[in-house]
Amino acid sequence: MTNDLTFDEAMKKHLQTLKQYVPIVARVHGGNHPEFHEVRKLFDTIVKKTKDAGSDKPELNEEFAKLREITDTYTVPGDVCESYEAVYSMLAELDRAYRA
């Protein structure tokens, strides 16, 4: 299956949900999954750089590369909730759209 979303479309589709879920997942799962605190920092950086870029494409190669490394390419741990899984799924979709 192909993903036809552009990065802008993927951001519009997922940004508000991610802004809600990421802080909650960090609070709930950060104790058992401290790597998620780094995921949150990288997400915040992605949001800021995207906003600062305006209509231009932001430079996010480093942030997405770190996300892939920290999350083992968005592999969901076995002991987390559906919100955690949803965050990784949405971040993976943003990553794919950015690199398309």
PDB file of N, CA and C in Angstrom:
ATOM      1  N   MET A   1       0.853  -1.179   0.000  1.00  0.00           N
ATOM      2  CA  MET A   1       0.000   0.000   0.000  1.00  0.00           C
ATOM      3  C   MET A   1       0.898   1.241   0.000  1.00  0.00           C
ATOM      4  N   THR A   2       0.549   2.203  -0.772  1.00  0.00           N
ATOM      5  CA  THR A   2       1.359   3.408  -0.844  1.00  0.00           C
ATOM      6  C   THR A   2       0.768   4.500   0.031  1.00  0.00           C
ATOM      7  N   ASN A   3       1.623   5.394   0.419  1.00  0.00           N
ATOM      8  CA  ASN A   3       1.203   6.537   1.207  1.00  0.00           C
ATOM      9  C   ASN A   3       1.337   7.759   0.320  1.00  0.00           C
ATOM     10  N   ASP A   4       0.217   8.332  -0.051  1.00  0.00           N
ATOM     11  CA  ASP A   4       0.236   9.444  -0.988  1.00  0.00           C
ATOM     12  C   ASP A   4       0.231  10.809  -0.315  1.00  0.00           C
ATOM     13  N   LEU A   5       0.245  10.842   1.001  1.00  0.00           N
ATOM     14  CA  LEU A   5       0.199  12.132   1.683  1.00  0.00           C
ATOM     15  C   LEU A   5       1.514  12.881   1.533  1.00  0.00           C
ATOM     16  N   THR A   6       1.406  14.186   1.312  1.00  0.00           N
ATOM     17  CA  THR A   6       2.600  15.021   1.390  1.00  0.00           C
ATOM     18  C   THR A   6       2.878  15.281   2.861  1.00  0.00           C
ATOM     19  N   PHE A   7       4.040  15.834   3.153  1.00  0.00           N
ATOM     20  CA  PHE A   7       4.370  16.135   4.542  1.00  0.00           C
ATOM     21  C   PHE A   7       3.370  17.137   5.117  1.00  0.00           C
ATOM     22  N   ASP A   8       3.031  18.153   4.356  1.00  0.00           N
ATOM     23  CA  ASP A   8       2.049  19.145   4.836  1.00  0.00           C
ATOM     24  C   ASP A   8       0.700  18.487   5.127  1.00  0.00           C
ATOM     25  N   GLU A   9       0.260  17.600   4.251  1.00  0.00           N
ATOM     26  CA  GLU A   9      -1.019  16.900   4.464  1.00  0.00           C
ATOM     27  C   GLU A   9      -0.958  16.010   5.705  1.00  0.00           C
ATOM     28  N   ALA A  10       0.165  15.316   5.879  1.00  0.00           N
ATOM     29  CA  ALA A  10       0.323  14.445   7.053  1.00  0.00           C
ATOM     30  C   ALA A  10       0.349  15.271   8.333  1.00  0.00           C
ATOM     31  N   MET A  11       1.008  16.423   8.300  1.00  0.00           N
ATOM     32  CA  MET A  11       1.027  17.294   9.486  1.00  0.00           C
ATOM     33  C   MET A  11      -0.383  17.785   9.801  1.00  0.00           C
ATOM     34  N   LYS A  12      -1.110  18.200   8.777  1.00  0.00           N
ATOM     35  CA  LYS A  12      -2.481  18.670   9.017  1.00  0.00           C
ATOM     36  C   LYS A  12      -3.353  17.545   9.567  1.00  0.00           C
ATOM     37  N   LYS A  13      -3.134  16.329   9.078  1.00  0.00           N
ATOM     38  CA  LYS A  13      -3.932  15.182   9.501  1.00  0.00           C
ATOM     39  C   LYS A  13      -3.643  14.796  10.956  1.00  0.00           C
ATOM     40  N   HIS A  14      -2.376  14.864  11.377  1.00  0.00           N
ATOM     41  CA  HIS A  14      -1.993  14.292  12.673  1.00  0.00           C
ATOM     42  C   HIS A  14      -1.564  15.289  13.741  1.00  0.00           C
ATOM     43  N   LEU A  15      -1.275  16.513  13.393  1.00  0.00           N
ATOM     44  CA  LEU A  15      -0.655  17.423  14.356  1.00  0.00           C
ATOM     45  C   LEU A  15      -1.475  17.622  15.628  1.00  0.00           C
ATOM     46  N   GLN A  16      -2.736  17.906  15.499  1.00  0.00           N
ATOM     47  CA  GLN A  16      -3.534  18.171  16.699  1.00  0.00           C
ATOM     48  C   GLN A  16      -3.631  16.946  17.607  1.00  0.00           C
ATOM     49  N   THR A  17      -3.804  15.779  17.030  1.00  0.00           N
ATOM     50  CA  THR A  17      -3.862  14.554  17.830  1.00  0.00           C
ATOM     51  C   THR A  17      -2.517  14.300  18.511  1.00  0.00           C
ATOM     52  N   LEU A  18      -1.430  14.483  17.775  1.00  0.00           N
ATOM     53  CA  LEU A  18      -0.111  14.279  18.375  1.00  0.00           C
ATOM     54  C   LEU A  18       0.132  15.270  19.507  1.00  0.00           C
ATOM     55  N   LYS A  19      -0.281  16.521  19.323  1.00  0.00           N
ATOM     56  CA  LYS A  19      -0.108  17.519  20.389  1.00  0.00           C
ATOM     57  C   LYS A  19      -0.863  17.107  21.657  1.00  0.00           C
ATOM     58  N   GLN A  20      -1.977  16.416  21.498  1.00  0.00           N
ATOM     59  CA  GLN A  20      -2.727  15.923  22.657  1.00  0.00           C
ATOM     60  C   GLN A  20      -2.077  14.681  23.253  1.00  0.00           C
ATOM     61  N   TYR A  21      -1.722  13.731  22.425  1.00  0.00           N
ATOM     62  CA  TYR A  21      -1.267  12.422  22.897  1.00  0.00           C
ATOM     63  C   TYR A  21       0.169  12.423  23.433  1.00  0.00           C
ATOM     64  N   VAL A  22       1.086  13.123  22.780  1.00  0.00           N
ATOM     65  CA  VAL A  22       2.503  13.021  23.138  1.00  0.00           C
ATOM     66  C   VAL A  22       2.761  13.382  24.605  1.00  0.00           C
ATOM     67  N   PRO A  23       2.247  14.504  25.123  1.00  0.00           N
ATOM     68  CA  PRO A  23       2.493  14.795  26.558  1.00  0.00           C
ATOM     69  C   PRO A  23       1.867  13.762  27.481  1.00  0.00           C
ATOM     70  N   ILE A  24       0.707  13.246  27.133  1.00  0.00           N
ATOM     71  CA  ILE A  24       0.036  12.253  27.979  1.00  0.00           C
ATOM     72  C   ILE A  24       0.822  10.951  27.987  1.00  0.00           C
ATOM     73  N   VAL A  25       1.239  10.499  26.824  1.00  0.00           N
ATOM     74  CA  VAL A  25       2.021   9.258  26.743  1.00  0.00           C
ATOM     75  C   VAL A  25       3.337   9.416  27.495  1.00  0.00           C
ATOM     76  N   ALA A  26       3.971  10.586  27.389  1.00  0.00           N
ATOM     77  CA  ALA A  26       5.224  10.828  28.122  1.00  0.00           C
ATOM     78  C   ALA A  26       4.977  10.730  29.625  1.00  0.00           C
ATOM     79  N   ARG A  27       3.876  11.289  30.103  1.00  0.00           N
ATOM     80  CA  ARG A  27       3.567  11.263  31.529  1.00  0.00           C
ATOM     81  C   ARG A  27       3.240   9.836  31.998  1.00  0.00           C
ATOM     82  N   VAL A  28       2.443   9.121  31.220  1.00  0.00           N
ATOM     83  CA  VAL A  28       1.989   7.791  31.628  1.00  0.00           C
ATOM     84  C   VAL A  28       3.089   6.735  31.475  1.00  0.00           C
ATOM     85  N   HIS A  29       3.831   6.787  30.384  1.00  0.00           N
ATOM     86  CA  HIS A  29       4.790   5.718  30.073  1.00  0.00           C
ATOM     87  C   HIS A  29       6.259   6.122  30.224  1.00  0.00           C
ATOM     88  N   GLY A  30       6.505   7.387  30.499  1.00  0.00           N
ATOM     89  CA  GLY A  30       7.890   7.851  30.592  1.00  0.00           C
ATOM     90  C   GLY A  30       8.709   7.151  31.659  1.00  0.00           C
ATOM     91  N   GLY A  31       8.065   6.690  32.726  1.00  0.00           N
ATOM     92  CA  GLY A  31       8.793   5.986  33.777  1.00  0.00           C
ATOM     93  C   GLY A  31       9.352   4.657  33.323  1.00  0.00           C
ATOM     94  N   ASN A  32       8.541   3.897  32.593  1.00  0.00           N
ATOM     95  CA  ASN A  32       8.980   2.590  32.094  1.00  0.00           C
ATOM     96  C   ASN A  32       9.676   2.686  30.744  1.00  0.00           C
ATOM     97  N   HIS A  33       9.430   3.771  30.039  1.00  0.00           N
ATOM     98  CA  HIS A  33      10.029   3.952  28.712  1.00  0.00           C
ATOM     99  C   HIS A  33      10.637   5.356  28.637  1.00  0.00           C
ATOM    100  N   PRO A  34      11.783   5.537  29.301  1.00  0.00           N
ATOM    101  CA  PRO A  34      12.388   6.880  29.340  1.00  0.00           C
ATOM    102  C   PRO A  34      12.750   7.410  27.954  1.00  0.00           C
ATOM    103  N   GLU A  35      12.888   6.514  26.971  1.00  0.00           N
ATOM    104  CA  GLU A  35      13.185   6.962  25.618  1.00  0.00           C
ATOM    105  C   GLU A  35      12.061   7.840  25.061  1.00  0.00           C
ATOM    106  N   PHE A  36      10.857   7.684  25.628  1.00  0.00           N
ATOM    107  CA  PHE A  36       9.747   8.482  25.104  1.00  0.00           C
ATOM    108  C   PHE A  36       9.929   9.969  25.413  1.00  0.00           C
ATOM    109  N   HIS A  37      10.675  10.293  26.478  1.00  0.00           N
ATOM    110  CA  HIS A  37      10.939  11.712  26.765  1.00  0.00           C
ATOM    111  C   HIS A  37      11.746  12.342  25.621  1.00  0.00           C
ATOM    112  N   GLU A  38      12.670  11.552  25.052  1.00  0.00           N
ATOM    113  CA  GLU A  38      13.429  12.046  23.899  1.00  0.00           C
ATOM    114  C   GLU A  38      12.519  12.161  22.673  1.00  0.00           C
ATOM    115  N   VAL A  39      11.592  11.213  22.517  1.00  0.00           N
ATOM    116  CA  VAL A  39      10.615  11.290  21.422  1.00  0.00           C
ATOM    117  C   VAL A  39       9.832  12.593  21.544  1.00  0.00           C
ATOM    118  N   ARG A  40       9.423  12.919  22.774  1.00  0.00           N
ATOM    119  CA  ARG A  40       8.659  14.160  22.984  1.00  0.00           C
ATOM    120  C   ARG A  40       9.492  15.389  22.597  1.00  0.00           C
ATOM    121  N   LYS A  41      10.761  15.418  23.011  1.00  0.00           N
ATOM    122  CA  LYS A  41      11.627  16.557  22.658  1.00  0.00           C
ATOM    123  C   LYS A  41      11.765  16.692  21.146  1.00  0.00           C
ATOM    124  N   LEU A  42      11.961  15.571  20.470  1.00  0.00           N
ATOM    125  CA  LEU A  42      12.104  15.609  19.009  1.00  0.00           C
ATOM    126  C   LEU A  42      10.800  16.043  18.350  1.00  0.00           C
ATOM    127  N   PHE A  43       9.673  15.579  18.863  1.00  0.00           N
ATOM    128  CA  PHE A  43       8.378  16.009  18.319  1.00  0.00           C
ATOM    129  C   PHE A  43       8.219  17.523  18.494  1.00  0.00           C
ATOM    130  N   ASP A  44       8.558  18.033  19.668  1.00  0.00           N
ATOM    131  CA  ASP A  44       8.460  19.480  19.900  1.00  0.00           C
ATOM    132  C   ASP A  44       9.351  20.250  18.922  1.00  0.00           C
ATOM    133  N   THR A  45      10.542  19.724  18.645  1.00  0.00           N
ATOM    134  CA  THR A  45      11.447  20.370  17.688  1.00  0.00           C
ATOM    135  C   THR A  45      10.855  20.343  16.286  1.00  0.00           C
ATOM    136  N   ILE A  46      10.272  19.224  15.907  1.00  0.00           N
ATOM    137  CA  ILE A  46       9.640  19.109  14.582  1.00  0.00           C
ATOM    138  C   ILE A  46       8.518  20.138  14.445  1.00  0.00           C
ATOM    139  N   VAL A  47       7.706  20.277  15.474  1.00  0.00           N
ATOM    140  CA  VAL A  47       6.601  21.248  15.430  1.00  0.00           C
ATOM    141  C   VAL A  47       7.149  22.660  15.294  1.00  0.00           C
ATOM    142  N   LYS A  48       8.180  23.001  16.076  1.00  0.00           N
ATOM    143  CA  LYS A  48       8.749  24.350  16.029  1.00  0.00           C
ATOM    144  C   LYS A  48       9.373  24.637  14.671  1.00  0.00           C
ATOM    145  N   LYS A  49      10.175  23.706  14.165  1.00  0.00           N
ATOM    146  CA  LYS A  49      10.834  23.937  12.876  1.00  0.00           C
ATOM    147  C   LYS A  49       9.808  24.047  11.750  1.00  0.00           C
ATOM    148  N   THR A  50       8.755  23.259  11.825  1.00  0.00           N
ATOM    149  CA  THR A  50       7.714  23.313  10.800  1.00  0.00           C
ATOM    150  C   THR A  50       7.009  24.665  10.845  1.00  0.00           C
ATOM    151  N   LYS A  51       6.710  25.128  12.040  1.00  0.00           N
ATOM    152  CA  LYS A  51       6.054  26.433  12.188  1.00  0.00           C
ATOM    153  C   LYS A  51       6.973  27.548  11.700  1.00  0.00           C
ATOM    154  N   ASP A  52       8.257  27.495  12.088  1.00  0.00           N
ATOM    155  CA  ASP A  52       9.211  28.533  11.699  1.00  0.00           C
ATOM    156  C   ASP A  52       9.454  28.561  10.193  1.00  0.00           C
ATOM    157  N   ALA A  53       9.322  27.404   9.523  1.00  0.00           N
ATOM    158  CA  ALA A  53       9.580  27.326   8.070  1.00  0.00           C
ATOM    159  C   ALA A  53       8.456  27.956   7.255  1.00  0.00           C
ATOM    160  N   GLY A  54       7.307  28.140   7.874  1.00  0.00           N
ATOM    161  CA  GLY A  54       6.184  28.738   7.141  1.00  0.00           C
ATOM    162  C   GLY A  54       5.765  27.842   5.992  1.00  0.00           C
ATOM    163  N   SER A  55       5.740  28.381   4.790  1.00  0.00           N
ATOM    164  CA  SER A  55       5.310  27.603   3.628  1.00  0.00           C
ATOM    165  C   SER A  55       6.445  26.787   3.021  1.00  0.00           C
ATOM    166  N   ASP A  56       7.681  26.980   3.503  1.00  0.00           N
ATOM    167  CA  ASP A  56       8.820  26.198   3.010  1.00  0.00           C
ATOM    168  C   ASP A  56       8.881  24.854   3.722  1.00  0.00           C
ATOM    169  N   LYS A  57       9.550  23.892   3.100  1.00  0.00           N
ATOM    170  CA  LYS A  57       9.730  22.584   3.732  1.00  0.00           C
ATOM    171  C   LYS A  57      10.818  22.705   4.796  1.00  0.00           C
ATOM    172  N   PRO A  58      10.526  22.341   6.043  1.00  0.00           N
ATOM    173  CA  PRO A  58      11.542  22.447   7.102  1.00  0.00           C
ATOM    174  C   PRO A  58      12.625  21.386   6.943  1.00  0.00           C
ATOM    175  N   GLU A  59      13.805  21.639   7.519  1.00  0.00           N
ATOM    176  CA  GLU A  59      14.911  20.676   7.501  1.00  0.00           C
ATOM    177  C   GLU A  59      14.768  19.762   8.717  1.00  0.00           C
ATOM    178  N   LEU A  60      14.275  18.546   8.499  1.00  0.00           N
ATOM    179  CA  LEU A  60      13.967  17.638   9.606  1.00  0.00           C
ATOM    180  C   LEU A  60      14.640  16.274   9.462  1.00  0.00           C
ATOM    181  N   ASN A  61      15.606  16.168   8.561  1.00  0.00           N
ATOM    182  CA  ASN A  61      16.257  14.863   8.366  1.00  0.00           C
ATOM    183  C   ASN A  61      16.879  14.349   9.662  1.00  0.00           C
ATOM    184  N   GLU A  62      17.545  15.227  10.398  1.00  0.00           N
ATOM    185  CA  GLU A  62      18.207  14.813  11.642  1.00  0.00           C
ATOM    186  C   GLU A  62      17.187  14.343  12.680  1.00  0.00           C
ATOM    187  N   GLU A  63      16.093  15.079  12.824  1.00  0.00           N
ATOM    188  CA  GLU A  63      15.086  14.728  13.821  1.00  0.00           C
ATOM    189  C   GLU A  63      14.437  13.380  13.508  1.00  0.00           C
ATOM    190  N   PHE A  64      14.079  13.164  12.237  1.00  0.00           N
ATOM    191  CA  PHE A  64      13.453  11.878  11.894  1.00  0.00           C
ATOM    192  C   PHE A  64      14.457  10.726  11.996  1.00  0.00           C
ATOM    193  N   ALA A  65      15.725  10.978  11.672  1.00  0.00           N
ATOM    194  CA  ALA A  65      16.745   9.932  11.819  1.00  0.00           C
ATOM    195  C   ALA A  65      16.881   9.535  13.294  1.00  0.00           C
ATOM    196  N   LYS A  66      16.875  10.535  14.193  1.00  0.00           N
ATOM    197  CA  LYS A  66      16.960  10.239  15.629  1.00  0.00           C
ATOM    198  C   LYS A  66      15.713   9.498  16.110  1.00  0.00           C
ATOM    199  N   LEU A  67      14.544   9.904  15.599  1.00  0.00           N
ATOM    200  CA  LEU A  67      13.314   9.203  15.973  1.00  0.00           C
ATOM    201  C   LEU A  67      13.378   7.734  15.576  1.00  0.00           C
ATOM    202  N   ARG A  68      13.833   7.464  14.363  1.00  0.00           N
ATOM    203  CA  ARG A  68      13.938   6.070  13.903  1.00  0.00           C
ATOM    204  C   ARG A  68      14.897   5.292  14.788  1.00  0.00           C
ATOM    205  N   GLU A  69      15.995   5.933  15.186  1.00  0.00           N
ATOM    206  CA  GLU A  69      16.986   5.269  16.028  1.00  0.00           C
ATOM    207  C   GLU A  69      16.413   4.994  17.430  1.00  0.00           C
ATOM    208  N   ILE A  70      15.830   6.013  18.036  1.00  0.00           N
ATOM    209  CA  ILE A  70      15.324   5.884  19.411  1.00  0.00           C
ATOM    210  C   ILE A  70      14.173   4.886  19.494  1.00  0.00           C
ATOM    211  N   THR A  71      13.313   4.875  18.469  1.00  0.00           N
ATOM    212  CA  THR A  71      12.112   4.031  18.507  1.00  0.00           C
ATOM    213  C   THR A  71      12.311   2.684  17.826  1.00  0.00           C
ATOM    214  N   ASP A  72      13.532   2.379  17.393  1.00  0.00           N
ATOM    215  CA  ASP A  72      13.792   1.159  16.632  1.00  0.00           C
ATOM    216  C   ASP A  72      12.830   1.104  15.438  1.00  0.00           C
ATOM    217  N   THR A  73      12.846   2.191  14.682  1.00  0.00           N
ATOM    218  CA  THR A  73      11.990   2.363  13.503  1.00  0.00           C
ATOM    219  C   THR A  73      10.514   2.177  13.872  1.00  0.00           C
ATOM    220  N   TYR A  74      10.132   2.890  14.934  1.00  0.00           N
ATOM    221  CA  TYR A  74       8.734   2.983  15.372  1.00  0.00           C
ATOM    222  C   TYR A  74       8.152   1.626  15.795  1.00  0.00           C
ATOM    223  N   THR A  75       8.985   0.801  16.390  1.00  0.00           N
ATOM    224  CA  THR A  75       8.531  -0.475  16.932  1.00  0.00           C
ATOM    225  C   THR A  75       7.854  -0.233  18.281  1.00  0.00           C
ATOM    226  N   VAL A  76       6.598  -0.625  18.392  1.00  0.00           N
ATOM    227  CA  VAL A  76       5.813  -0.371  19.597  1.00  0.00           C
ATOM    228  C   VAL A  76       6.170  -1.410  20.657  1.00  0.00           C
ATOM    229  N   PRO A  77       6.558  -0.958  21.875  1.00  0.00           N
ATOM    230  CA  PRO A  77       6.831  -1.910  22.958  1.00  0.00           C
ATOM    231  C   PRO A  77       5.569  -2.715  23.297  1.00  0.00           C
ATOM    232  N   GLY A  78       5.755  -3.880  23.857  1.00  0.00           N
ATOM    233  CA  GLY A  78       4.632  -4.767  24.137  1.00  0.00           C
ATOM    234  C   GLY A  78       3.791  -4.392  25.342  1.00  0.00           C
ATOM    235  N   ASP A  79       4.281  -3.472  26.173  1.00  0.00           N
ATOM    236  CA  ASP A  79       3.582  -3.165  27.420  1.00  0.00           C
ATOM    237  C   ASP A  79       2.981  -1.755  27.463  1.00  0.00           C
ATOM    238  N   VAL A  80       2.580  -1.245  26.306  1.00  0.00           N
ATOM    239  CA  VAL A  80       2.071   0.129  26.266  1.00  0.00           C
ATOM    240  C   VAL A  80       0.620   0.161  25.782  1.00  0.00           C
ATOM    241  N   CYS A  81       0.014   1.342  25.873  1.00  0.00           N
ATOM    242  CA  CYS A  81      -1.399   1.503  25.533  1.00  0.00           C
ATOM    243  C   CYS A  81      -1.583   1.848  24.044  1.00  0.00           C
ATOM    244  N   GLU A  82      -2.837   1.920  23.660  1.00  0.00           N
ATOM    245  CA  GLU A  82      -3.177   2.231  22.268  1.00  0.00           C
ATOM    246  C   GLU A  82      -2.744   3.641  21.872  1.00  0.00           C
ATOM    247  N   SER A  83      -2.723   4.560  22.812  1.00  0.00           N
ATOM    248  CA  SER A  83      -2.294   5.926  22.507  1.00  0.00           C
ATOM    249  C   SER A  83      -0.808   5.959  22.133  1.00  0.00           C
ATOM    250  N   TYR A  84      -0.016   5.196  22.876  1.00  0.00           N
ATOM    251  CA  TYR A  84       1.423   5.091  22.574  1.00  0.00           C
ATOM    252  C   TYR A  84       1.581   4.550  21.151  1.00  0.00           C
ATOM    253  N   GLU A  85       0.861   3.488  20.848  1.00  0.00           N
ATOM    254  CA  GLU A  85       0.916   2.880  19.520  1.00  0.00           C
ATOM    255  C   GLU A  85       0.479   3.877  18.450  1.00  0.00           C
ATOM    256  N   ALA A  86      -0.575   4.650  18.742  1.00  0.00           N
ATOM    257  CA  ALA A  86      -1.064   5.639  17.785  1.00  0.00           C
ATOM    258  C   ALA A  86      -0.019   6.718  17.523  1.00  0.00           C
ATOM    259  N   VAL A  87       0.690   7.152  18.578  1.00  0.00           N
ATOM    260  CA  VAL A  87       1.729   8.170  18.407  1.00  0.00           C
ATOM    261  C   VAL A  87       2.822   7.650  17.471  1.00  0.00           C
ATOM    262  N   TYR A  88       3.298   6.429  17.701  1.00  0.00           N
ATOM    263  CA  TYR A  88       4.336   5.882  16.835  1.00  0.00           C
ATOM    264  C   TYR A  88       3.832   5.742  15.397  1.00  0.00           C
ATOM    265  N   SER A  89       2.584   5.333  15.226  1.00  0.00           N
ATOM    266  CA  SER A  89       2.022   5.186  13.888  1.00  0.00           C
ATOM    267  C   SER A  89       1.964   6.538  13.166  1.00  0.00           C
ATOM    268  N   MET A  90       1.510   7.566  13.881  1.00  0.00           N
ATOM    269  CA  MET A  90       1.419   8.896  13.261  1.00  0.00           C
ATOM    270  C   MET A  90       2.803   9.466  12.963  1.00  0.00           C
ATOM    271  N   LEU A  91       3.753   9.283  13.897  1.00  0.00           N
ATOM    272  CA  LEU A  91       5.114   9.769  13.645  1.00  0.00           C
ATOM    273  C   LEU A  91       5.742   9.042  12.458  1.00  0.00           C
ATOM    274  N   ALA A  92       5.479   7.749  12.345  1.00  0.00           N
ATOM    275  CA  ALA A  92       6.004   6.992  11.207  1.00  0.00           C
ATOM    276  C   ALA A  92       5.414   7.512   9.897  1.00  0.00           C
ATOM    277  N   GLU A  93       4.137   7.859   9.917  1.00  0.00           N
ATOM    278  CA  GLU A  93       3.504   8.389   8.703  1.00  0.00           C
ATOM    279  C   GLU A  93       4.093   9.751   8.346  1.00  0.00           C
ATOM    280  N   LEU A  94       4.343  10.592   9.351  1.00  0.00           N
ATOM    281  CA  LEU A  94       4.991  11.882   9.087  1.00  0.00           C
ATOM    282  C   LEU A  94       6.380  11.670   8.491  1.00  0.00           C
ATOM    283  N   ASP A  95       7.111  10.727   9.053  1.00  0.00           N
ATOM    284  CA  ASP A  95       8.462  10.425   8.587  1.00  0.00           C
ATOM    285  C   ASP A  95       8.428   9.978   7.118  1.00  0.00           C
ATOM    286  N   ARG A  96       7.522   9.044   6.797  1.00  0.00           N
ATOM    287  CA  ARG A  96       7.410   8.568   5.403  1.00  0.00           C
ATOM    288  C   ARG A  96       7.039   9.713   4.462  1.00  0.00           C
ATOM    289  N   ALA A  97       6.098  10.541   4.888  1.00  0.00           N
ATOM    290  CA  ALA A  97       5.668  11.661   4.047  1.00  0.00           C
ATOM    291  C   ALA A  97       6.813  12.655   3.849  1.00  0.00           C
ATOM    292  N   TYR A  98       7.603  12.863   4.898  1.00  0.00           N
ATOM    293  CA  TYR A  98       8.716  13.813   4.789  1.00  0.00           C
ATOM    294  C   TYR A  98       9.756  13.317   3.787  1.00  0.00           C
ATOM    295  N   ARG A  99      10.027  12.014   3.810  1.00  0.00           N
ATOM    296  CA  ARG A  99      11.073  11.456   2.946  1.00  0.00           C
ATOM    297  C   ARG A  99      10.581  11.153   1.538  1.00  0.00           C
ATOM    298  N   ALA A 100       9.271  11.269   1.292  1.00  0.00           N
ATOM    299  CA  ALA A 100       8.717  10.937  -0.032  1.00  0.00           C
ATOM    300  C   ALA A 100       9.128  11.968  -1.082  1.00  0.00           C
TER     301      ALA A 100
END
